[in-house]
Amino acid sequence: MPYPNINAERSRAGMTVEDLARHLGVTRKTVYNWMAHGSIPQSKLVKMSELFNCSIDYLLEREPDHESTRR
C-alpha cells in the first residue's frame, strides 16, 4: 500500500478500515481502492488530517517525522 502512515494512524486510533470509511462517508471498498491506487480525493485527505490530528504531508509521507506534524 502506498500510504503506510494512513494505516499507522488508523491503527493508533483503534479504527478498522470500515470505521475509517464510515468517518469519511464512503465504503470500505472505496478506502481500499484509494490505498491501492493512490488517488485519495483532497477533501478526504483533509478530513483524515483532522481526524488523526496530523498534516496531509505526513499522511502522504512528504514529512518524515510524525511528531513535527502534530498541530
N, C-alpha and C. Protein backbone atom coordinates (compact mmCIF):
# COMPACT_ATOMS: atom_id res chain seq x y z
N MET A 1 0.84 -1.19 0.00
CA MET A 1 0.00 0.00 0.00
C MET A 1 0.88 1.25 0.00
N PRO A 2 0.52 2.22 -0.81
CA PRO A 2 1.37 3.40 -0.94
C PRO A 2 1.33 4.36 0.24
N TYR A 3 0.44 4.19 1.19
CA TYR A 3 0.31 5.16 2.29
C TYR A 3 0.36 4.49 3.66
N PRO A 4 1.53 4.02 4.06
CA PRO A 4 1.61 3.34 5.36
C PRO A 4 1.27 4.24 6.54
N ASN A 5 1.50 5.55 6.42
CA ASN A 5 1.19 6.44 7.54
C ASN A 5 -0.32 6.53 7.79
N ILE A 6 -1.11 6.44 6.76
CA ILE A 6 -2.56 6.45 6.95
C ILE A 6 -2.97 5.21 7.72
N ASN A 7 -2.44 4.07 7.33
CA ASN A 7 -2.76 2.84 8.05
C ASN A 7 -2.23 2.87 9.48
N ALA A 8 -1.05 3.45 9.68
CA ALA A 8 -0.49 3.55 11.03
C ALA A 8 -1.38 4.42 11.92
N GLU A 9 -1.82 5.54 11.40
CA GLU A 9 -2.68 6.44 12.19
C GLU A 9 -4.05 5.80 12.45
N ARG A 10 -4.55 5.11 11.47
CA ARG A 10 -5.83 4.40 11.65
C ARG A 10 -5.68 3.38 12.78
N SER A 11 -4.60 2.64 12.77
CA SER A 11 -4.36 1.63 13.81
C SER A 11 -4.17 2.27 15.18
N ARG A 12 -3.40 3.37 15.22
CA ARG A 12 -3.20 4.09 16.50
C ARG A 12 -4.52 4.55 17.09
N ALA A 13 -5.43 4.90 16.21
CA ALA A 13 -6.74 5.38 16.66
C ALA A 13 -7.68 4.23 17.00
N GLY A 14 -7.20 2.99 16.80
CA GLY A 14 -8.04 1.83 17.10
C GLY A 14 -9.19 1.65 16.12
N MET A 15 -8.98 2.10 14.90
CA MET A 15 -10.03 2.05 13.89
C MET A 15 -9.78 0.94 12.89
N THR A 16 -10.84 0.33 12.43
CA THR A 16 -10.76 -0.60 11.31
C THR A 16 -10.90 0.21 10.02
N VAL A 17 -10.66 -0.44 8.91
CA VAL A 17 -10.89 0.22 7.62
C VAL A 17 -12.36 0.61 7.49
N GLU A 18 -13.23 -0.23 7.98
CA GLU A 18 -14.66 0.09 7.95
C GLU A 18 -14.97 1.32 8.78
N ASP A 19 -14.33 1.45 9.95
CA ASP A 19 -14.54 2.64 10.79
C ASP A 19 -14.09 3.89 10.05
N LEU A 20 -12.90 3.82 9.44
CA LEU A 20 -12.39 4.97 8.69
C LEU A 20 -13.34 5.33 7.55
N ALA A 21 -13.78 4.33 6.84
CA ALA A 21 -14.71 4.57 5.73
C ALA A 21 -15.98 5.27 6.23
N ARG A 22 -16.49 4.82 7.34
CA ARG A 22 -17.70 5.42 7.91
C ARG A 22 -17.45 6.90 8.25
N HIS A 23 -16.29 7.20 8.86
CA HIS A 23 -15.95 8.59 9.19
C HIS A 23 -15.82 9.46 7.95
N LEU A 24 -15.39 8.85 6.86
CA LEU A 24 -15.19 9.60 5.62
C LEU A 24 -16.44 9.61 4.73
N GLY A 25 -17.45 8.85 5.10
CA GLY A 25 -18.68 8.83 4.32
C GLY A 25 -18.58 8.05 3.03
N VAL A 26 -17.73 7.01 3.03
CA VAL A 26 -17.56 6.17 1.84
C VAL A 26 -17.62 4.71 2.26
N THR A 27 -17.49 3.81 1.29
CA THR A 27 -17.50 2.39 1.60
C THR A 27 -16.08 1.91 1.90
N ARG A 28 -15.98 0.77 2.53
CA ARG A 28 -14.70 0.13 2.82
C ARG A 28 -13.94 -0.13 1.52
N LYS A 29 -14.66 -0.56 0.51
CA LYS A 29 -14.05 -0.84 -0.79
C LYS A 29 -13.43 0.42 -1.40
N THR A 30 -14.08 1.55 -1.22
CA THR A 30 -13.54 2.81 -1.72
C THR A 30 -12.21 3.13 -1.04
N VAL A 31 -12.16 2.95 0.28
CA VAL A 31 -10.90 3.20 1.00
C VAL A 31 -9.81 2.26 0.48
N TYR A 32 -10.12 0.99 0.32
CA TYR A 32 -9.14 0.05 -0.21
C TYR A 32 -8.66 0.47 -1.60
N ASN A 33 -9.57 0.92 -2.44
CA ASN A 33 -9.19 1.37 -3.78
C ASN A 33 -8.28 2.59 -3.73
N TRP A 34 -8.59 3.55 -2.85
CA TRP A 34 -7.72 4.72 -2.70
C TRP A 34 -6.32 4.30 -2.28
N MET A 35 -6.25 3.39 -1.32
CA MET A 35 -4.96 2.97 -0.80
C MET A 35 -4.18 2.19 -1.86
N ALA A 36 -4.86 1.41 -2.64
CA ALA A 36 -4.19 0.59 -3.66
C ALA A 36 -3.75 1.40 -4.87
N HIS A 37 -4.55 2.40 -5.23
CA HIS A 37 -4.28 3.14 -6.47
C HIS A 37 -3.74 4.54 -6.23
N GLY A 38 -3.72 4.97 -4.98
CA GLY A 38 -3.12 6.26 -4.68
C GLY A 38 -3.88 7.46 -5.17
N SER A 39 -5.18 7.39 -5.19
CA SER A 39 -5.97 8.51 -5.69
C SER A 39 -7.02 8.94 -4.66
N ILE A 40 -6.54 9.48 -3.56
CA ILE A 40 -7.44 9.91 -2.48
C ILE A 40 -7.87 11.35 -2.76
N PRO A 41 -9.16 11.62 -2.78
CA PRO A 41 -9.63 13.00 -3.01
C PRO A 41 -9.12 13.95 -1.93
N GLN A 42 -8.82 15.16 -2.32
CA GLN A 42 -8.29 16.15 -1.38
C GLN A 42 -9.21 16.37 -0.19
N SER A 43 -10.50 16.41 -0.42
CA SER A 43 -11.45 16.64 0.69
C SER A 43 -11.36 15.52 1.73
N LYS A 44 -11.09 14.30 1.28
CA LYS A 44 -10.98 13.17 2.20
C LYS A 44 -9.64 13.20 2.93
N LEU A 45 -8.59 13.68 2.25
CA LEU A 45 -7.30 13.85 2.92
C LEU A 45 -7.40 14.89 4.03
N VAL A 46 -8.12 15.97 3.76
CA VAL A 46 -8.33 16.99 4.78
C VAL A 46 -9.07 16.40 5.97
N LYS A 47 -10.10 15.62 5.70
CA LYS A 47 -10.88 15.01 6.77
C LYS A 47 -10.02 14.04 7.59
N MET A 48 -9.17 13.24 6.91
CA MET A 48 -8.27 12.33 7.64
C MET A 48 -7.27 13.11 8.47
N SER A 49 -6.76 14.20 7.92
CA SER A 49 -5.81 15.03 8.65
C SER A 49 -6.43 15.56 9.94
N GLU A 50 -7.67 15.99 9.86
CA GLU A 50 -8.38 16.47 11.05
C GLU A 50 -8.68 15.33 12.01
N LEU A 51 -9.09 14.20 11.48
CA LEU A 51 -9.43 13.04 12.29
C LEU A 51 -8.22 12.53 13.08
N PHE A 52 -7.06 12.48 12.42
CA PHE A 52 -5.86 11.96 13.06
C PHE A 52 -4.97 13.04 13.65
N ASN A 53 -5.39 14.30 13.52
CA ASN A 53 -4.64 15.43 14.07
C ASN A 53 -3.20 15.45 13.57
N CYS A 54 -3.03 15.37 12.27
CA CYS A 54 -1.70 15.41 11.66
C CYS A 54 -1.82 16.09 10.30
N SER A 55 -0.68 16.35 9.69
CA SER A 55 -0.71 17.04 8.40
C SER A 55 -0.98 16.07 7.25
N ILE A 56 -1.46 16.62 6.18
CA ILE A 56 -1.64 15.84 4.96
C ILE A 56 -0.28 15.37 4.44
N ASP A 57 0.72 16.23 4.56
CA ASP A 57 2.07 15.84 4.13
C ASP A 57 2.54 14.60 4.87
N TYR A 58 2.27 14.53 6.17
CA TYR A 58 2.64 13.33 6.93
C TYR A 58 1.88 12.11 6.41
N LEU A 59 0.58 12.25 6.21
CA LEU A 59 -0.22 11.12 5.74
C LEU A 59 0.29 10.60 4.39
N LEU A 60 0.78 11.51 3.56
CA LEU A 60 1.27 11.13 2.23
C LEU A 60 2.77 10.86 2.23
N GLU A 61 3.39 10.86 3.40
CA GLU A 61 4.83 10.62 3.59
C GLU A 61 5.70 11.69 2.94
N ARG A 62 5.24 12.90 2.98
CA ARG A 62 6.07 14.01 2.48
C ARG A 62 6.88 14.63 3.62
N GLU A 63 6.51 14.31 4.86
CA GLU A 63 7.26 14.72 6.04
C GLU A 63 7.64 13.47 6.80
N PRO A 64 8.92 13.26 7.07
CA PRO A 64 9.35 12.02 7.71
C PRO A 64 9.05 11.92 9.19
N ASP A 65 9.01 13.03 9.91
CA ASP A 65 8.88 12.99 11.37
C ASP A 65 7.46 13.26 11.80
N HIS A 66 6.81 12.23 12.34
CA HIS A 66 5.41 12.35 12.76
C HIS A 66 5.21 13.43 13.80
N GLU A 67 6.10 13.52 14.78
CA GLU A 67 5.92 14.48 15.87
C GLU A 67 5.95 15.92 15.37
N SER A 68 6.72 16.21 14.33
CA SER A 68 6.77 17.57 13.83
C SER A 68 5.51 17.98 13.09
N THR A 69 4.64 17.01 12.83
CA THR A 69 3.43 17.31 12.08
C THR A 69 2.22 17.53 12.97
N ARG A 70 2.35 17.23 14.23
CA ARG A 70 1.22 17.42 15.14
C ARG A 70 0.91 18.90 15.28
N ARG A 71 -0.38 19.21 15.33
CA ARG A 71 -0.80 20.62 15.48
C ARG A 71 -0.81 20.99 16.93
